[in-house]
Protein backbone atom coordinates (compact mmCIF):
# COMPACT_ATOMS: atom_id res chain seq x y z
CA MET A 1 47.98 26.68 66.25
CA PRO A 2 46.35 24.15 63.92
CA THR A 3 42.65 23.35 64.14
CA LEU A 4 40.88 20.12 63.21
CA TRP A 5 37.40 20.50 61.73
CA LEU A 6 34.95 17.66 61.30
CA GLN A 7 32.98 18.11 58.08
CA GLU A 8 29.27 17.30 57.99
CA SER A 9 29.80 14.34 55.65
CA ALA A 10 32.31 12.85 58.10
CA VAL A 11 29.76 13.29 60.91
CA GLY A 12 27.39 11.27 58.73
CA ASP A 13 30.05 8.59 58.31
CA LEU A 14 30.56 8.39 62.07
CA ASP A 15 26.81 8.23 62.66
CA GLU A 16 26.53 5.40 60.11
CA ILE A 17 29.37 3.49 61.77
CA THR A 18 27.75 4.03 65.17
CA GLY A 19 24.46 2.68 63.80
CA TYR A 20 26.18 -0.46 62.59
CA CYS A 21 28.43 -0.94 65.64
CA GLN A 22 27.89 1.33 68.63
CA GLN A 23 31.27 0.59 70.22
CA ASP A 24 33.23 1.29 67.01
CA GLY A 25 31.36 4.56 66.54
CA ASP A 26 31.83 5.65 70.14
CA ASP A 27 35.55 4.84 70.03
CA LEU A 28 36.04 6.69 66.74
CA TRP A 29 34.14 9.74 68.06
CA ALA A 30 36.34 9.73 71.18
CA PHE A 31 39.49 9.41 69.04
CA VAL A 32 38.47 12.39 66.87
CA HIS A 33 37.73 14.51 69.95
CA HIS A 34 41.09 13.51 71.42
CA LEU A 35 42.82 14.69 68.23
CA GLN A 36 40.89 17.98 68.25
CA GLU A 37 41.96 18.73 71.82
CA SER A 38 45.67 17.94 71.42
CA PRO A 39 47.90 20.53 69.73
CA ASP A 40 50.79 18.03 69.86
CA LEU A 41 48.81 15.42 67.92
CA LEU A 42 47.56 18.00 65.42
CA ASP A 43 51.17 19.00 64.70
CA ARG A 44 51.86 15.37 63.84
CA LEU A 45 49.18 15.30 61.13
CA CYS A 46 51.66 16.87 58.71
CA LYS A 47 54.34 14.25 59.33
CA TRP A 48 54.37 11.09 57.27
CA HIS A 49 55.19 7.75 58.88
CA TYR A 50 56.36 9.33 62.12
CA GLN A 51 55.13 6.29 64.06
CA HIS A 52 58.62 4.84 63.84
CA VAL A 53 60.23 7.78 65.67
CA GLU A 54 57.59 8.82 68.23
CA LYS A 55 57.55 7.03 71.59
CA ASP A 56 53.72 7.28 71.68
CA PRO A 57 52.64 7.45 68.05
CA GLN A 58 48.85 6.98 68.57
CA PHE A 59 48.28 7.13 64.81
CA ASP A 60 50.05 6.95 61.49
CA CYS A 61 49.31 9.19 58.56
CA LYS A 62 50.43 9.49 54.99
CA ALA A 63 49.40 11.24 51.83
CA ILE A 64 47.04 9.49 49.46
CA THR A 65 49.41 9.40 46.50
CA PHE A 66 46.98 9.47 43.58
CA LEU A 67 45.10 12.42 45.12
CA GLN A 68 48.33 14.31 45.83
CA GLU A 69 49.40 13.74 42.22
CA THR A 70 46.18 15.39 41.02
CA GLY A 71 46.63 18.37 43.35
CA TYR A 72 44.44 17.45 46.32
CA ASN A 73 46.24 17.78 49.67
CA ILE A 74 44.45 14.77 51.21
CA TYR A 75 45.80 12.19 53.64
CA ARG A 76 44.73 9.06 55.45
CA LEU A 77 45.10 8.42 59.15
CA VAL A 78 45.22 5.05 60.90
CA ALA A 79 44.42 5.00 64.62
CA LEU A 80 47.15 2.86 66.15
CA THR A 81 45.67 3.07 69.65
CA LEU A 82 42.51 1.29 68.48
CA GLU A 83 43.68 -2.19 67.45
CA TRP A 84 40.41 -2.99 65.65
CA GLY A 85 40.43 0.57 64.24
CA ARG A 86 43.85 0.03 62.73
CA ARG A 87 42.52 -2.98 60.87
CA ASN A 88 39.08 -1.69 59.90
CA TYR A 89 38.88 2.12 59.63
CA ARG A 90 40.61 5.08 58.01
CA ILE A 91 40.12 8.79 58.58
CA LEU A 92 40.55 10.84 55.40
CA TYR A 93 41.50 14.47 55.90
CA ALA A 94 42.65 17.53 54.01
CA TYR A 95 45.25 20.05 55.05
CA ASP A 96 44.90 23.76 54.34
CA SER A 97 48.45 25.08 54.61
CA GLU A 98 47.31 28.68 54.24
CA TYR A 99 45.44 28.61 57.56
CA ASP A 100 47.13 25.58 59.16
CA ASP A 101 43.77 23.82 59.41
CA PHE A 102 42.84 20.18 58.97
CA TYR A 103 39.43 18.96 57.75
CA ILE A 104 38.17 15.44 58.30
CA LEU A 105 36.37 14.67 55.04
CA ALA A 106 35.44 11.04 55.64
CA VAL A 107 35.67 8.20 58.12
CA VAL A 108 35.61 4.98 56.13
CA ARG A 109 35.64 1.27 56.67
CA ARG A 110 38.71 -0.20 55.05
CA LEU A 111 37.88 -2.70 52.32
CA THR A 112 39.42 -6.08 53.10
CA GLU A 113 38.66 -9.67 52.20
CA ASN A 114 36.85 -9.90 55.57
CA THR A 115 34.53 -6.94 54.98
CA PRO A 116 30.93 -8.16 55.38
CA GLU A 117 28.95 -8.20 52.13
CA GLU A 118 26.45 -5.60 53.40
CA LEU A 119 29.34 -3.14 54.03
CA ARG A 120 31.34 -3.66 50.84
CA ARG A 121 29.73 -0.77 48.95
CA SER A 122 30.60 1.70 51.69
CA ALA A 123 34.08 0.24 52.28
CA TYR A 124 37.07 1.97 50.70
CA ASN A 125 40.44 0.95 49.29
CA TYR A 126 41.62 4.23 47.71
CA GLU A 127 40.11 3.58 44.29
CA PRO A 128 40.27 6.70 42.08
CA ASP A 129 36.75 6.08 40.70
CA HIS A 130 35.13 5.19 44.05
CA HIS A 131 32.14 7.28 45.17
CA ILE A 132 34.02 8.22 48.37
CA THR A 133 36.93 9.57 46.31
CA ARG A 134 34.49 11.67 44.31
CA ARG A 135 32.76 12.85 47.48
CA ILE A 136 35.94 13.98 49.24
CA CYS A 137 37.28 15.71 46.11
CA ASP A 138 33.95 17.50 45.59
CA GLU A 139 33.95 18.63 49.21
CA TYR A 140 37.58 19.75 48.98
CA GLU A 141 36.72 21.88 45.95
CA PHE A 142 33.50 23.21 47.53
CA MET A 143 35.50 24.38 50.57
CA GLY A 144 37.79 26.31 48.24
CA LEU A 145 40.97 24.51 49.26
CA VAL A 146 43.89 24.97 46.90
CA ILE A 147 44.31 22.38 44.15
CA ARG A 148 47.96 22.36 43.09
CA HIS A 149 48.68 21.85 39.42
């Protein structure tokens, strides 16, 4: 059975979000705990764009293409059950196929034209040279997850 682990850096992200907006943080924490406790939802983390075939999708996930192309098995998840979450946040996670484990590496604010100026540096839009990209790749490597070449 798959397991979902929340990495320390992702805990820091959730704490930072909670500090900025208590309700967003509380809802994201609850969503993560809901994922951790549901084997059915964890099984869905390996399926891409399944939201169109599931009667209760709850989230959508897909690989982050440029990271997959460089060997990192990292995905993004969008919480569909949290309307504001769908617009504003992404959960970035890695999959370890050897042990059937998932690792949440980051919880990020999605960079949009409406992102407040004070949050733009911490917001993310899948830029290869972004500090969040470097952080999640460094953590992936530190954990010893397989980098495919």
